[in-house]
Structure formats: C-alpha cells, structure tokens
C-alpha cells in the first residue's frame, strides 16, 4: 500500500509540473476588451480557419487533460491517506 502511495505521489508531482509548463506555454488573452470594442484584426480572423489544428488548440486541450489527471490523482491520493 505504501509503494502505491509513493508511485501516485510521484505521478502527481510530474503532472503538476506538466500542468505548469502547459499553462505557461499558452498565449495570453491580449486582445480581450480592445478587440471587442475595436473589432479586432480582420487578418487574424481570416487566418484562424484551421484553429482546431493550431498549437493554441493543442495546448488548450493538453491543459484540460493534464488538469483532469491532476484532479483525479489528488482525489485518489487523498483516499489513500484517509485509509491509513
């Protein structure tokens, strides 16, 4: 039981570091309110047809999956600690 707890803890630390790296790799929402008021950049809208295959979309998807993994590992680790 102790070995499983150590393995899950190591995996959780790895997922925490991965989550930090994935979030830090994303671009900020720089054009927030100014794009809504000013209409944004027309070329950017035209060029974002293939948005689902872009690096931004891949990083957003990776962020969701790593966050879910971190959350599930946290719950499992909490159950192991409570059982002891």
C-alpha atoms as a PDB file:
ATOM      1  CA  UNK A   1       0.000   0.000   0.000  1.00  0.00           C
ATOM      2  CA  UNK A   2       2.864   2.353   0.799  1.00  0.00           C
ATOM      3  CA  UNK A   3       4.536   1.713  -2.566  1.00  0.00           C
ATOM      4  CA  UNK A   4       1.330   2.587  -4.434  1.00  0.00           C
ATOM      5  CA  UNK A   5       1.058   5.829  -2.459  1.00  0.00           C
ATOM      6  CA  UNK A   6       4.643   6.759  -3.366  1.00  0.00           C
ATOM      7  CA  UNK A   7       4.076   5.947  -7.053  1.00  0.00           C
ATOM      8  CA  UNK A   8       0.871   8.030  -7.158  1.00  0.00           C
ATOM      9  CA  UNK A   9       2.652  10.905  -5.402  1.00  0.00           C
ATOM     10  CA  UNK A  10       5.466  10.844  -7.969  1.00  0.00           C
ATOM     11  CA  UNK A  11       2.962  10.783 -10.844  1.00  0.00           C
ATOM     12  CA  UNK A  12       1.084  13.687  -9.246  1.00  0.00           C
ATOM     13  CA  UNK A  13       4.254  15.767  -8.963  1.00  0.00           C
ATOM     14  CA  UNK A  14       5.040  15.049 -12.615  1.00  0.00           C
ATOM     15  CA  UNK A  15       1.502  16.049 -13.632  1.00  0.00           C
ATOM     16  CA  UNK A  16       1.780  19.244 -11.559  1.00  0.00           C
ATOM     17  CA  UNK A  17       4.990  20.222 -13.339  1.00  0.00           C
ATOM     18  CA  UNK A  18       3.420  19.331 -16.696  1.00  0.00           C
ATOM     19  CA  UNK A  19       0.378  21.468 -15.882  1.00  0.00           C
ATOM     20  CA  UNK A  20       2.592  24.423 -15.014  1.00  0.00           C
ATOM     21  CA  UNK A  21       4.577  24.052 -18.243  1.00  0.00           C
ATOM     22  CA  UNK A  22       1.464  23.703 -20.426  1.00  0.00           C
ATOM     23  CA  UNK A  23      -0.216  26.742 -18.863  1.00  0.00           C
ATOM     24  CA  UNK A  24       2.933  28.835 -19.125  1.00  0.00           C
ATOM     25  CA  UNK A  25       3.284  27.855 -22.789  1.00  0.00           C
ATOM     26  CA  UNK A  26      -0.040  29.381 -23.739  1.00  0.00           C
ATOM     27  CA  UNK A  27      -0.501  32.880 -25.078  1.00  0.00           C
ATOM     28  CA  UNK A  28      -2.315  35.475 -23.029  1.00  0.00           C
ATOM     29  CA  UNK A  29      -5.675  36.923 -23.980  1.00  0.00           C
ATOM     30  CA  UNK A  30      -4.094  40.196 -25.064  1.00  0.00           C
ATOM     31  CA  UNK A  31      -6.876  41.328 -27.334  1.00  0.00           C
ATOM     32  CA  UNK A  32      -9.683  40.929 -24.767  1.00  0.00           C
ATOM     33  CA  UNK A  33     -11.821  44.066 -24.454  1.00  0.00           C
ATOM     34  CA  UNK A  34      -9.921  46.139 -27.021  1.00  0.00           C
ATOM     35  CA  UNK A  35     -10.725  43.634 -29.782  1.00  0.00           C
ATOM     36  CA  UNK A  36     -14.397  43.611 -28.819  1.00  0.00           C
ATOM     37  CA  UNK A  37     -14.625  47.399 -28.982  1.00  0.00           C
ATOM     38  CA  UNK A  38     -12.331  47.956 -31.969  1.00  0.00           C
ATOM     39  CA  UNK A  39     -13.470  44.956 -33.955  1.00  0.00           C
ATOM     40  CA  UNK A  40     -10.220  43.027 -33.736  1.00  0.00           C
ATOM     41  CA  UNK A  41      -7.824  42.233 -36.527  1.00  0.00           C
ATOM     42  CA  UNK A  42      -9.543  41.062 -39.729  1.00  0.00           C
ATOM     43  CA  UNK A  43      -6.495  39.127 -40.955  1.00  0.00           C
ATOM     44  CA  UNK A  44      -6.328  37.230 -37.709  1.00  0.00           C
ATOM     45  CA  UNK A  45      -9.949  36.160 -38.063  1.00  0.00           C
ATOM     46  CA  UNK A  46      -9.400  35.063 -41.669  1.00  0.00           C
ATOM     47  CA  UNK A  47      -6.256  33.096 -40.813  1.00  0.00           C
ATOM     48  CA  UNK A  48      -7.876  31.267 -37.894  1.00  0.00           C
ATOM     49  CA  UNK A  49      -9.958  28.921 -40.082  1.00  0.00           C
ATOM     50  CA  UNK A  50      -7.891  25.922 -39.019  1.00  0.00           C
ATOM     51  CA  UNK A  51      -7.943  26.858 -35.357  1.00  0.00           C
ATOM     52  CA  UNK A  52      -8.608  23.294 -34.178  1.00  0.00           C
ATOM     53  CA  UNK A  53      -5.268  22.089 -35.523  1.00  0.00           C
ATOM     54  CA  UNK A  54      -3.207  25.023 -34.292  1.00  0.00           C
ATOM     55  CA  UNK A  55      -0.697  24.920 -31.461  1.00  0.00           C
ATOM     56  CA  UNK A  56      -3.015  27.045 -29.312  1.00  0.00           C
ATOM     57  CA  UNK A  57      -5.790  24.479 -29.597  1.00  0.00           C
ATOM     58  CA  UNK A  58      -3.410  21.629 -28.795  1.00  0.00           C
ATOM     59  CA  UNK A  59      -2.124  23.431 -25.710  1.00  0.00           C
ATOM     60  CA  UNK A  60      -5.685  24.164 -24.567  1.00  0.00           C
ATOM     61  CA  UNK A  61      -6.633  20.507 -24.973  1.00  0.00           C
ATOM     62  CA  UNK A  62      -3.480  19.382 -23.152  1.00  0.00           C
ATOM     63  CA  UNK A  63      -4.254  21.788 -20.313  1.00  0.00           C
ATOM     64  CA  UNK A  64      -7.696  20.257 -19.850  1.00  0.00           C
ATOM     65  CA  UNK A  65      -6.408  16.674 -19.819  1.00  0.00           C
ATOM     66  CA  UNK A  66      -3.472  17.350 -17.504  1.00  0.00           C
ATOM     67  CA  UNK A  67      -5.735  19.292 -15.120  1.00  0.00           C
ATOM     68  CA  UNK A  68      -8.228  16.399 -15.025  1.00  0.00           C
ATOM     69  CA  UNK A  69      -5.402  13.941 -14.375  1.00  0.00           C
ATOM     70  CA  UNK A  70      -4.051  16.131 -11.568  1.00  0.00           C
ATOM     71  CA  UNK A  71      -7.512  16.418 -10.025  1.00  0.00           C
ATOM     72  CA  UNK A  72      -8.142  12.658 -10.169  1.00  0.00           C
ATOM     73  CA  UNK A  73      -4.703  11.871  -8.750  1.00  0.00           C
ATOM     74  CA  UNK A  74      -5.336  14.318  -5.908  1.00  0.00           C
ATOM     75  CA  UNK A  75      -8.594  12.567  -5.042  1.00  0.00           C
ATOM     76  CA  UNK A  76      -7.021   9.093  -5.207  1.00  0.00           C
ATOM     77  CA  UNK A  77      -4.088  10.189  -3.089  1.00  0.00           C
ATOM     78  CA  UNK A  78      -6.475  11.700  -0.545  1.00  0.00           C
ATOM     79  CA  UNK A  79      -8.358   8.401  -0.361  1.00  0.00           C
ATOM     80  CA  UNK A  80      -5.097   6.518   0.263  1.00  0.00           C
ATOM     81  CA  UNK A  81      -4.122   8.909   3.039  1.00  0.00           C
ATOM     82  CA  UNK A  82      -7.582   8.706   4.636  1.00  0.00           C
ATOM     83  CA  UNK A  83      -7.452   4.893   4.565  1.00  0.00           C
ATOM     84  CA  UNK A  84      -4.256   4.862   6.622  1.00  0.00           C
END
